[in-house]
Each structure stands twice: as structure tokens, then as C-alpha cells.
Amino acid sequence: MAIQWNSSLATGVAEIDNQHQELIKRINNLLEAMREGKGKETLEKIISFLDEYVIVHFGTEEEYMDQYNYPEYSTHKEEHQSFTVYFNNLKKELASEGPTSVLVIQTQRKLSEWWENHIALLDKKLGEYLISKHE
């Protein structure tokens, strides 16, 4: 299921929201490729993109959290670390097994669920906190 960007996912912090929109676009591209029977070819592209982009994105959020003394920094960072562990295992599986149909489906589902939940719950809270610091 594609993730639809809407106000429920917006944090109110332009840099973070722009990064989220790019992540969602890429995840939705994988879903579209799967519908077209091209999921296997696209999986490696999205993994390559995420390999760099996730580091940048998590770094951006963690920099904001550190700079503004976010009280839930450690919990939020643990979520980032948990995703990173999952992602590293995914890359290992892709390297050893190749882009199997099962892996493509599992990856699309996991990415969609994780990002949508993470943005809607943790990142929204972070955004509210950051906005309150600028008032």
C-alpha cells in the first residue's frame, strides 16, 4: 500500500518534511515497480538510495534533537538504530540471496510500515517540540 503524504505526516520542520517526502516517494516507486513486475530490478536501486539517504536523514533529526536538547532523544535514536540494524540485515540478505520476490514484498511492506509509523508518531512529536522552541 502506497504511503500518501498528508498533514498527519508533516512535522512542520521543512528540512525534515522534505526528506520524508523523498523517502516516501522512493518507497512508493518500489510499490509501483512491483505492480509493473519490475520490483526485483528496483529493489537494488532503493536499497542503494537508502544506504546513503537514511544516514543523512537520521543525522539531520539527531542534530536537531541534540541542538535543542530534545528530552526523548535517546528513545528516538534507538528507533533509528533499530532501523539501521534491520536495514543492514536486509542488505546482507540481498547480497546473499539476490532480489527474490519474497524479499521485494517484505522490504516494501516493512519500509512502508516503519516509515509511516515512525513519522506519524516519533517525528511528529519531534516537530512539535522543535516548533515550540522557535515560538
Protein backbone atom coordinates (compact mmCIF):
# COMPACT_ATOMS: atom_id res chain seq x y z
CA MET A 1 0.00 0.00 0.00
CA ALA A 2 1.41 3.37 -1.00
CA ILE A 3 2.05 6.00 1.64
CA GLN A 4 0.13 9.18 0.97
CA TRP A 5 1.86 12.35 2.16
CA ASN A 6 -0.58 14.48 4.12
CA SER A 7 -0.74 16.80 7.11
CA SER A 8 -0.81 13.87 9.53
CA LEU A 9 2.78 13.13 8.50
CA ALA A 10 4.03 16.73 8.37
CA THR A 11 6.33 17.70 11.23
CA GLY A 12 6.28 21.40 10.45
CA VAL A 13 10.06 21.40 10.03
CA ALA A 14 10.71 21.97 6.33
CA GLU A 15 14.05 20.16 6.13
CA ILE A 16 12.70 17.04 7.83
CA ASP A 17 9.43 17.10 5.87
CA ASN A 18 11.28 17.42 2.57
CA GLN A 19 13.46 14.43 3.44
CA HIS A 20 10.39 12.42 4.47
CA GLN A 21 8.67 13.23 1.19
CA GLU A 22 11.69 11.99 -0.76
CA LEU A 23 11.79 8.77 1.28
CA ILE A 24 8.08 8.19 0.73
CA LYS A 25 8.44 8.86 -3.00
CA ARG A 26 11.16 6.21 -3.24
CA ILE A 27 9.19 3.64 -1.23
CA ASN A 28 6.14 4.29 -3.41
CA ASN A 29 8.35 3.88 -6.51
CA LEU A 30 9.18 0.37 -5.29
CA LEU A 31 5.48 -0.41 -4.90
CA GLU A 32 4.76 0.90 -8.39
CA ALA A 33 7.63 -1.15 -9.81
CA MET A 34 6.21 -4.23 -8.10
CA ARG A 35 2.84 -3.61 -9.78
CA GLU A 36 4.65 -3.43 -13.10
CA GLY A 37 6.56 -6.65 -12.44
CA LYS A 38 9.84 -4.75 -12.02
CA GLY A 39 10.21 -5.00 -8.24
CA LYS A 40 13.37 -7.09 -8.38
CA GLU A 41 15.15 -4.57 -10.58
CA THR A 42 14.02 -1.63 -8.45
CA LEU A 43 14.84 -3.17 -5.06
CA GLU A 44 18.58 -2.78 -5.54
CA LYS A 45 18.12 0.86 -6.57
CA ILE A 46 16.07 1.74 -3.50
CA ILE A 47 18.49 -0.09 -1.20
CA SER A 48 21.38 1.84 -2.71
CA PHE A 49 19.49 5.12 -2.29
CA LEU A 50 18.50 4.34 1.30
CA ASP A 51 22.02 3.27 2.19
CA GLU A 52 23.14 6.88 1.93
CA TYR A 53 19.90 8.80 2.48
CA VAL A 54 18.97 7.17 5.78
CA ILE A 55 22.31 8.21 7.27
CA VAL A 56 21.73 11.79 6.11
CA HIS A 57 18.13 11.84 7.33
CA PHE A 58 18.77 10.29 10.73
CA GLY A 59 21.76 12.60 11.10
CA THR A 60 19.56 15.63 10.40
CA GLU A 61 17.00 14.61 13.00
CA GLU A 62 19.62 13.72 15.59
CA GLU A 63 21.39 17.03 15.03
CA TYR A 64 18.13 18.89 15.72
CA MET A 65 17.47 16.75 18.79
CA ASP A 66 20.94 17.39 20.16
CA GLN A 67 20.91 21.11 19.34
CA TYR A 68 17.56 21.68 21.06
CA ASN A 69 18.05 19.22 23.96
CA TYR A 70 15.14 17.04 22.91
CA PRO A 71 14.03 15.13 26.03
CA GLU A 72 13.22 11.94 24.07
CA TYR A 73 16.50 11.93 22.16
CA SER A 74 17.67 8.52 23.39
CA THR A 75 14.35 6.78 22.61
CA HIS A 76 14.19 8.33 19.17
CA LYS A 77 17.82 7.49 18.43
CA GLU A 78 17.20 3.87 19.50
CA GLU A 79 14.48 3.67 16.85
CA HIS A 80 16.95 4.93 14.27
CA GLN A 81 19.49 2.33 15.41
CA SER A 82 16.86 -0.41 15.27
CA PHE A 83 16.03 0.50 11.69
CA THR A 84 19.72 0.61 10.82
CA VAL A 85 20.18 -2.94 12.15
CA TYR A 86 17.16 -4.12 10.13
CA PHE A 87 18.48 -2.32 7.06
CA ASN A 88 21.98 -3.80 7.39
CA ASN A 89 20.45 -7.29 7.66
CA LEU A 90 18.36 -6.56 4.59
CA LYS A 91 21.47 -5.56 2.63
CA LYS A 92 23.19 -8.81 3.69
CA GLU A 93 20.17 -10.85 2.61
CA LEU A 94 20.03 -9.04 -0.71
CA ALA A 95 23.73 -9.67 -1.26
CA SER A 96 23.49 -13.37 -0.45
CA GLU A 97 20.07 -14.26 -1.90
CA GLY A 98 19.58 -11.63 -4.58
CA PRO A 99 16.35 -9.70 -5.10
CA THR A 100 13.87 -12.53 -4.63
CA SER A 101 10.16 -11.87 -4.95
CA VAL A 102 9.67 -12.59 -1.25
CA LEU A 103 12.41 -10.15 -0.30
CA VAL A 104 10.93 -7.45 -2.54
CA ILE A 105 7.48 -7.84 -0.95
CA GLN A 106 8.84 -7.98 2.61
CA THR A 107 11.03 -4.95 2.02
CA GLN A 108 8.26 -2.82 0.56
CA ARG A 109 5.90 -3.75 3.40
CA LYS A 110 8.50 -3.15 6.12
CA LEU A 111 9.66 0.17 4.66
CA SER A 112 6.11 1.44 4.27
CA GLU A 113 5.02 0.41 7.75
CA TRP A 114 8.18 1.52 9.53
CA TRP A 115 8.45 4.93 7.92
CA GLU A 116 4.76 5.74 8.17
CA ASN A 117 4.66 4.77 11.86
CA HIS A 118 7.97 6.44 12.68
CA ILE A 119 6.99 9.70 11.00
CA ALA A 120 3.43 9.77 12.36
CA LEU A 121 4.47 9.00 15.93
CA LEU A 122 8.05 9.94 16.76
CA ASP A 123 8.88 12.54 14.12
CA LYS A 124 5.61 14.41 14.65
CA LYS A 125 6.48 14.71 18.34
CA LEU A 126 9.94 15.94 17.46
CA GLY A 127 8.48 18.50 15.08
CA GLU A 128 6.08 19.80 17.73
CA TYR A 129 8.96 20.14 20.16
CA LEU A 130 11.18 21.96 17.67
CA ILE A 131 8.38 24.34 16.70
CA SER A 132 7.72 25.10 20.37
CA LYS A 133 11.39 26.08 20.74
CA HIS A 134 11.04 28.66 17.98
CA GLU A 135 7.95 30.38 19.37
